[in-house]
Amino acid sequence: MIKKLIIIVLTFIYSLSTNANSDYVKVLKQNNKLIFIRHALAPGNGDPDNFDIFDCSTQRNLNSVGKEQSIELGKFFDTNDISIDLVLSSEWCRCKETANLAFQKFETFNALNSFYDPKFYKNKEPQLEKLINFINNLENEGNIVFVTHYVVIAAIFGQAVTSGEILIADRNLNVVGRIKDY
């Protein structure tokens, strides 16, 4: 009896997740969305003291789970035939690798860089201002992906996100959906 109950509950939870994702796929197919993605799983916290933006060996990087998560992220967009007009990434290696494995084509945009560590915190306000100005001046009506960090997403939307999580917003920065499992 308990096994049947567990199966029923798990099936219900899975169907809720699938239905929610289906609704968000419809939203994404409408285009004109801002798609913020926290980089895939890169175990640890912050970056080493010897961090060098041009040397990935000095940074916290994706592990094998994060790499697979990035590939699955790309498959989600491909399988659901969601068009992406532009992919922008933080200059941090874990974001660039997430963007590359998921979408293959991307550009770096320093307004998406992390400001978590004290040595980068001074960049917070100028970066956020640059990012908001970029968004406010978008003329393209397609979907734009931003592969970035927890702190950037939290600062803009006031919401926490997990590694690889997708936060969907309209052009006025109103959150219209979240996708954790794809």
C-alpha atoms as a PDB file:
ATOM      1  CA  MET A   1       0.000   0.000   0.000  1.00  0.00           C
ATOM      2  CA  ILE A   2       2.799   2.437   0.900  1.00  0.00           C
ATOM      3  CA  LYS A   3       4.606   1.686  -2.385  1.00  0.00           C
ATOM      4  CA  LYS A   4       1.434   2.464  -4.351  1.00  0.00           C
ATOM      5  CA  LEU A   5       0.977   5.710  -2.439  1.00  0.00           C
ATOM      6  CA  ILE A   6       4.595   6.730  -3.112  1.00  0.00           C
ATOM      7  CA  ILE A   7       4.188   5.959  -6.824  1.00  0.00           C
ATOM      8  CA  ILE A   8       0.966   7.995  -6.975  1.00  0.00           C
ATOM      9  CA  VAL A   9       2.581  10.959  -5.195  1.00  0.00           C
ATOM     10  CA  LEU A  10       5.704  10.853  -7.393  1.00  0.00           C
ATOM     11  CA  THR A  11       3.578  10.596 -10.548  1.00  0.00           C
ATOM     12  CA  PHE A  12       1.518  13.582  -9.402  1.00  0.00           C
ATOM     13  CA  ILE A  13       4.624  15.649  -8.641  1.00  0.00           C
ATOM     14  CA  TYR A  14       6.167  14.732 -12.016  1.00  0.00           C
ATOM     15  CA  SER A  15       2.971  15.661 -13.855  1.00  0.00           C
ATOM     16  CA  LEU A  16       2.849  19.030 -12.077  1.00  0.00           C
ATOM     17  CA  SER A  17       6.442  19.717 -13.109  1.00  0.00           C
ATOM     18  CA  THR A  18       5.785  18.600 -16.683  1.00  0.00           C
ATOM     19  CA  ASN A  19       2.618  20.706 -16.929  1.00  0.00           C
ATOM     20  CA  ALA A  20       4.392  23.747 -15.478  1.00  0.00           C
ATOM     21  CA  ASN A  21       7.272  23.328 -17.938  1.00  0.00           C
ATOM     22  CA  SER A  22       4.754  22.938 -20.757  1.00  0.00           C
ATOM     23  CA  ASP A  23       3.155  26.247 -19.768  1.00  0.00           C
ATOM     24  CA  TYR A  24       6.572  27.927 -19.670  1.00  0.00           C
ATOM     25  CA  VAL A  25       7.490  26.484 -23.063  1.00  0.00           C
ATOM     26  CA  LYS A  26       4.391  28.232 -24.434  1.00  0.00           C
ATOM     27  CA  VAL A  27       5.529  31.466 -22.789  1.00  0.00           C
ATOM     28  CA  LEU A  28       9.019  31.121 -24.279  1.00  0.00           C
ATOM     29  CA  LYS A  29       7.601  30.434 -27.741  1.00  0.00           C
ATOM     30  CA  GLN A  30       5.900  33.848 -27.603  1.00  0.00           C
ATOM     31  CA  ASN A  31       9.419  35.338 -27.828  1.00  0.00           C
ATOM     32  CA  ASN A  32      10.374  38.718 -26.387  1.00  0.00           C
ATOM     33  CA  LYS A  33      11.485  37.071 -23.138  1.00  0.00           C
ATOM     34  CA  LEU A  34      14.588  37.554 -21.033  1.00  0.00           C
ATOM     35  CA  ILE A  35      15.934  34.163 -20.006  1.00  0.00           C
ATOM     36  CA  PHE A  36      18.283  34.354 -17.036  1.00  0.00           C
ATOM     37  CA  ILE A  37      20.193  31.160 -16.298  1.00  0.00           C
ATOM     38  CA  ARG A  38      22.464  30.606 -13.341  1.00  0.00           C
ATOM     39  CA  HIS A  39      25.544  28.733 -14.493  1.00  0.00           C
ATOM     40  CA  ALA A  40      25.389  24.953 -14.133  1.00  0.00           C
ATOM     41  CA  LEU A  41      26.802  23.127 -11.128  1.00  0.00           C
ATOM     42  CA  ALA A  42      30.286  24.287 -10.162  1.00  0.00           C
ATOM     43  CA  PRO A  43      30.889  23.010  -6.624  1.00  0.00           C
ATOM     44  CA  GLY A  44      32.215  25.394  -4.039  1.00  0.00           C
ATOM     45  CA  ASN A  45      31.590  28.973  -3.112  1.00  0.00           C
ATOM     46  CA  GLY A  46      33.103  32.117  -4.594  1.00  0.00           C
ATOM     47  CA  ASP A  47      36.445  31.948  -6.356  1.00  0.00           C
ATOM     48  CA  PRO A  48      40.007  31.250  -5.230  1.00  0.00           C
ATOM     49  CA  ASP A  49      42.180  34.161  -4.087  1.00  0.00           C
ATOM     50  CA  ASN A  50      44.369  33.745  -7.183  1.00  0.00           C
ATOM     51  CA  PHE A  51      41.361  34.184  -9.511  1.00  0.00           C
ATOM     52  CA  ASP A  52      42.341  35.310 -13.000  1.00  0.00           C
ATOM     53  CA  ILE A  53      39.517  35.988 -15.450  1.00  0.00           C
ATOM     54  CA  PHE A  54      41.747  34.808 -18.317  1.00  0.00           C
ATOM     55  CA  ASP A  55      42.817  31.539 -16.668  1.00  0.00           C
ATOM     56  CA  CYS A  56      40.103  28.951 -16.018  1.00  0.00           C
ATOM     57  CA  SER A  57      42.472  26.901 -13.838  1.00  0.00           C
ATOM     58  CA  THR A  58      42.253  29.678 -11.228  1.00  0.00           C
ATOM     59  CA  GLN A  59      38.446  29.614 -11.137  1.00  0.00           C
ATOM     60  CA  ARG A  60      35.669  27.453  -9.777  1.00  0.00           C
ATOM     61  CA  ASN A  61      34.536  25.392 -12.760  1.00  0.00           C
ATOM     62  CA  LEU A  62      31.764  23.025 -13.804  1.00  0.00           C
ATOM     63  CA  ASN A  63      32.104  19.452 -12.629  1.00  0.00           C
ATOM     64  CA  SER A  64      30.850  16.473 -14.668  1.00  0.00           C
ATOM     65  CA  VAL A  65      27.319  16.965 -13.304  1.00  0.00           C
ATOM     66  CA  GLY A  66      27.412  20.641 -14.302  1.00  0.00           C
ATOM     67  CA  LYS A  67      28.606  19.768 -17.794  1.00  0.00           C
ATOM     68  CA  GLU A  68      25.788  17.247 -18.232  1.00  0.00           C
ATOM     69  CA  GLN A  69      23.328  19.767 -16.791  1.00  0.00           C
ATOM     70  CA  SER A  70      24.466  22.306 -19.421  1.00  0.00           C
ATOM     71  CA  ILE A  71      23.981  19.801 -22.233  1.00  0.00           C
ATOM     72  CA  GLU A  72      20.488  18.959 -20.941  1.00  0.00           C
ATOM     73  CA  LEU A  73      19.705  22.660 -20.748  1.00  0.00           C
ATOM     74  CA  GLY A  74      20.506  23.018 -24.446  1.00  0.00           C
ATOM     75  CA  LYS A  75      18.448  19.941 -25.266  1.00  0.00           C
ATOM     76  CA  PHE A  76      15.470  21.504 -23.467  1.00  0.00           C
ATOM     77  CA  PHE A  77      15.541  24.494 -25.812  1.00  0.00           C
ATOM     78  CA  ASP A  78      16.161  22.320 -28.906  1.00  0.00           C
ATOM     79  CA  THR A  79      13.556  19.683 -28.095  1.00  0.00           C
ATOM     80  CA  ASN A  80      10.918  22.316 -27.442  1.00  0.00           C
ATOM     81  CA  ASP A  81      11.915  24.322 -30.530  1.00  0.00           C
ATOM     82  CA  ILE A  82      12.391  27.511 -28.515  1.00  0.00           C
ATOM     83  CA  SER A  83      14.115  30.167 -30.571  1.00  0.00           C
ATOM     84  CA  ILE A  84      17.002  32.091 -29.064  1.00  0.00           C
ATOM     85  CA  ASP A  85      18.170  35.278 -30.751  1.00  0.00           C
ATOM     86  CA  LEU A  86      21.175  36.025 -28.561  1.00  0.00           C
ATOM     87  CA  VAL A  87      23.091  34.302 -25.770  1.00  0.00           C
ATOM     88  CA  LEU A  88      25.163  36.497 -23.471  1.00  0.00           C
ATOM     89  CA  SER A  89      27.453  35.114 -20.796  1.00  0.00           C
ATOM     90  CA  SER A  90      29.453  36.349 -17.862  1.00  0.00           C
ATOM     91  CA  GLU A  91      33.186  36.325 -18.510  1.00  0.00           C
ATOM     92  CA  TRP A  92      33.664  33.715 -15.744  1.00  0.00           C
ATOM     93  CA  CYS A  93      34.647  30.304 -17.154  1.00  0.00           C
ATOM     94  CA  ARG A  94      31.776  28.409 -15.494  1.00  0.00           C
ATOM     95  CA  CYS A  95      29.257  30.663 -17.259  1.00  0.00           C
ATOM     96  CA  LYS A  96      31.058  30.494 -20.604  1.00  0.00           C
ATOM     97  CA  GLU A  97      31.222  26.714 -20.387  1.00  0.00           C
ATOM     98  CA  THR A  98      27.517  26.509 -19.506  1.00  0.00           C
ATOM     99  CA  ALA A  99      26.668  28.750 -22.472  1.00  0.00           C
ATOM    100  CA  ASN A 100      28.943  26.847 -24.830  1.00  0.00           C
ATOM    101  CA  LEU A 101      27.688  23.377 -23.896  1.00  0.00           C
ATOM    102  CA  ALA A 102      24.045  24.474 -23.980  1.00  0.00           C
ATOM    103  CA  PHE A 103      23.930  26.846 -26.941  1.00  0.00           C
ATOM    104  CA  GLN A 104      27.351  26.653 -28.676  1.00  0.00           C
ATOM    105  CA  LYS A 105      27.194  30.306 -29.800  1.00  0.00           C
ATOM    106  CA  PHE A 106      27.460  33.071 -27.230  1.00  0.00           C
ATOM    107  CA  GLU A 107      29.064  36.423 -26.533  1.00  0.00           C
ATOM    108  CA  THR A 108      30.529  37.563 -23.243  1.00  0.00           C
ATOM    109  CA  PHE A 109      29.040  40.587 -21.521  1.00  0.00           C
ATOM    110  CA  ASN A 110      30.856  41.931 -18.458  1.00  0.00           C
ATOM    111  CA  ALA A 111      27.657  43.304 -16.915  1.00  0.00           C
ATOM    112  CA  LEU A 112      26.821  39.650 -16.134  1.00  0.00           C
ATOM    113  CA  ASN A 113      30.034  39.038 -14.151  1.00  0.00           C
ATOM    114  CA  SER A 114      29.907  38.025 -10.523  1.00  0.00           C
ATOM    115  CA  PHE A 115      30.333  40.562  -7.746  1.00  0.00           C
ATOM    116  CA  TYR A 116      30.097  38.000  -4.956  1.00  0.00           C
ATOM    117  CA  ASP A 117      33.693  38.245  -3.749  1.00  0.00           C
ATOM    118  CA  PRO A 118      34.686  41.447  -1.917  1.00  0.00           C
ATOM    119  CA  LYS A 119      37.288  42.299  -4.579  1.00  0.00           C
ATOM    120  CA  PHE A 120      34.493  42.511  -7.197  1.00  0.00           C
ATOM    121  CA  TYR A 121      31.736  44.024  -5.053  1.00  0.00           C
ATOM    122  CA  LYS A 122      32.655  47.551  -6.155  1.00  0.00           C
ATOM    123  CA  ASN A 123      31.466  46.547  -9.643  1.00  0.00           C
ATOM    124  CA  LYS A 124      27.932  45.724  -8.504  1.00  0.00           C
ATOM    125  CA  GLU A 125      26.149  49.022  -9.137  1.00  0.00           C
ATOM    126  CA  PRO A 126      27.915  49.910 -12.429  1.00  0.00           C
ATOM    127  CA  GLN A 127      27.311  46.388 -13.756  1.00  0.00           C
ATOM    128  CA  LEU A 128      23.638  46.362 -12.816  1.00  0.00           C
ATOM    129  CA  GLU A 129      23.170  49.807 -14.344  1.00  0.00           C
ATOM    130  CA  LYS A 130      24.855  48.648 -17.567  1.00  0.00           C
ATOM    131  CA  LEU A 131      22.701  45.507 -17.680  1.00  0.00           C
ATOM    132  CA  ILE A 132      19.447  47.387 -17.059  1.00  0.00           C
ATOM    133  CA  ASN A 133      20.371  49.960 -19.722  1.00  0.00           C
ATOM    134  CA  PHE A 134      21.104  47.158 -22.171  1.00  0.00           C
ATOM    135  CA  ILE A 135      17.717  45.560 -21.484  1.00  0.00           C
ATOM    136  CA  ASN A 136      15.873  48.889 -21.681  1.00  0.00           C
ATOM    137  CA  ASN A 137      17.424  49.595 -25.085  1.00  0.00           C
ATOM    138  CA  LEU A 138      16.731  46.204 -26.660  1.00  0.00           C
ATOM    139  CA  GLU A 139      15.143  46.547 -30.062  1.00  0.00           C
ATOM    140  CA  ASN A 140      15.170  42.838 -30.875  1.00  0.00           C
ATOM    141  CA  GLU A 141      11.895  41.132 -29.967  1.00  0.00           C
ATOM    142  CA  GLY A 142      13.331  37.638 -29.756  1.00  0.00           C
ATOM    143  CA  ASN A 143      14.356  35.661 -26.712  1.00  0.00           C
ATOM    144  CA  ILE A 144      17.630  36.728 -25.099  1.00  0.00           C
ATOM    145  CA  VAL A 145      19.558  34.359 -22.802  1.00  0.00           C
ATOM    146  CA  PHE A 146      21.751  35.679 -19.992  1.00  0.00           C
ATOM    147  CA  VAL A 147      24.066  33.078 -18.432  1.00  0.00           C
ATOM    148  CA  THR A 148      25.194  34.595 -15.171  1.00  0.00           C
ATOM    149  CA  HIS A 149      25.591  34.151 -11.415  1.00  0.00           C
ATOM    150  CA  TYR A 150      23.357  33.829  -8.382  1.00  0.00           C
ATOM    151  CA  VAL A 151      24.231  37.324  -7.146  1.00  0.00           C
ATOM    152  CA  VAL A 152      23.307  39.024 -10.417  1.00  0.00           C
ATOM    153  CA  ILE A 153      19.933  37.295 -10.635  1.00  0.00           C
ATOM    154  CA  ALA A 154      19.214  37.889  -6.946  1.00  0.00           C
ATOM    155  CA  ALA A 155      20.110  41.579  -7.252  1.00  0.00           C
ATOM    156  CA  ILE A 156      17.805  42.143 -10.213  1.00  0.00           C
ATOM    157  CA  PHE A 157      14.864  39.957  -9.258  1.00  0.00           C
ATOM    158  CA  GLY A 158      15.208  39.495  -5.494  1.00  0.00           C
ATOM    159  CA  GLN A 159      14.921  35.733  -5.986  1.00  0.00           C
ATOM    160  CA  ALA A 160      17.283  32.874  -5.249  1.00  0.00           C
ATOM    161  CA  VAL A 161      18.120  30.411  -8.026  1.00  0.00           C
ATOM    162  CA  THR A 162      19.849  27.061  -8.050  1.00  0.00           C
ATOM    163  CA  SER A 163      22.616  25.981 -10.405  1.00  0.00           C
ATOM    164  CA  GLY A 164      21.279  25.682 -13.948  1.00  0.00           C
ATOM    165  CA  GLU A 165      17.884  27.113 -13.045  1.00  0.00           C
ATOM    166  CA  ILE A 166      16.050  29.180 -15.669  1.00  0.00           C
ATOM    167  CA  LEU A 167      14.245  32.362 -14.662  1.00  0.00           C
ATOM    168  CA  ILE A 168      11.977  33.815 -17.371  1.00  0.00           C
ATOM    169  CA  ALA A 169      11.130  37.512 -17.354  1.00  0.00           C
ATOM    170  CA  ASP A 170       9.349  39.940 -19.620  1.00  0.00           C
ATOM    171  CA  ARG A 171      11.071  43.082 -20.898  1.00  0.00           C
ATOM    172  CA  ASN A 172       9.911  44.977 -17.797  1.00  0.00           C
ATOM    173  CA  LEU A 173      11.804  42.507 -15.594  1.00  0.00           C
ATOM    174  CA  ASN A 174       8.649  40.885 -14.266  1.00  0.00           C
ATOM    175  CA  VAL A 175       9.267  37.218 -13.535  1.00  0.00           C
ATOM    176  CA  VAL A 176       6.824  35.102 -15.544  1.00  0.00           C
ATOM    177  CA  GLY A 177       8.218  31.660 -14.765  1.00  0.00           C
ATOM    178  CA  ARG A 178      10.995  29.423 -13.508  1.00  0.00           C
ATOM    179  CA  ILE A 179      12.230  26.087 -14.746  1.00  0.00           C
ATOM    180  CA  LYS A 180      14.376  23.933 -12.466  1.00  0.00           C
ATOM    181  CA  ASP A 181      13.995  20.532 -14.074  1.00  0.00           C
ATOM    182  CA  TYR A 182      14.225  20.154 -17.774  1.00  0.00           C
END
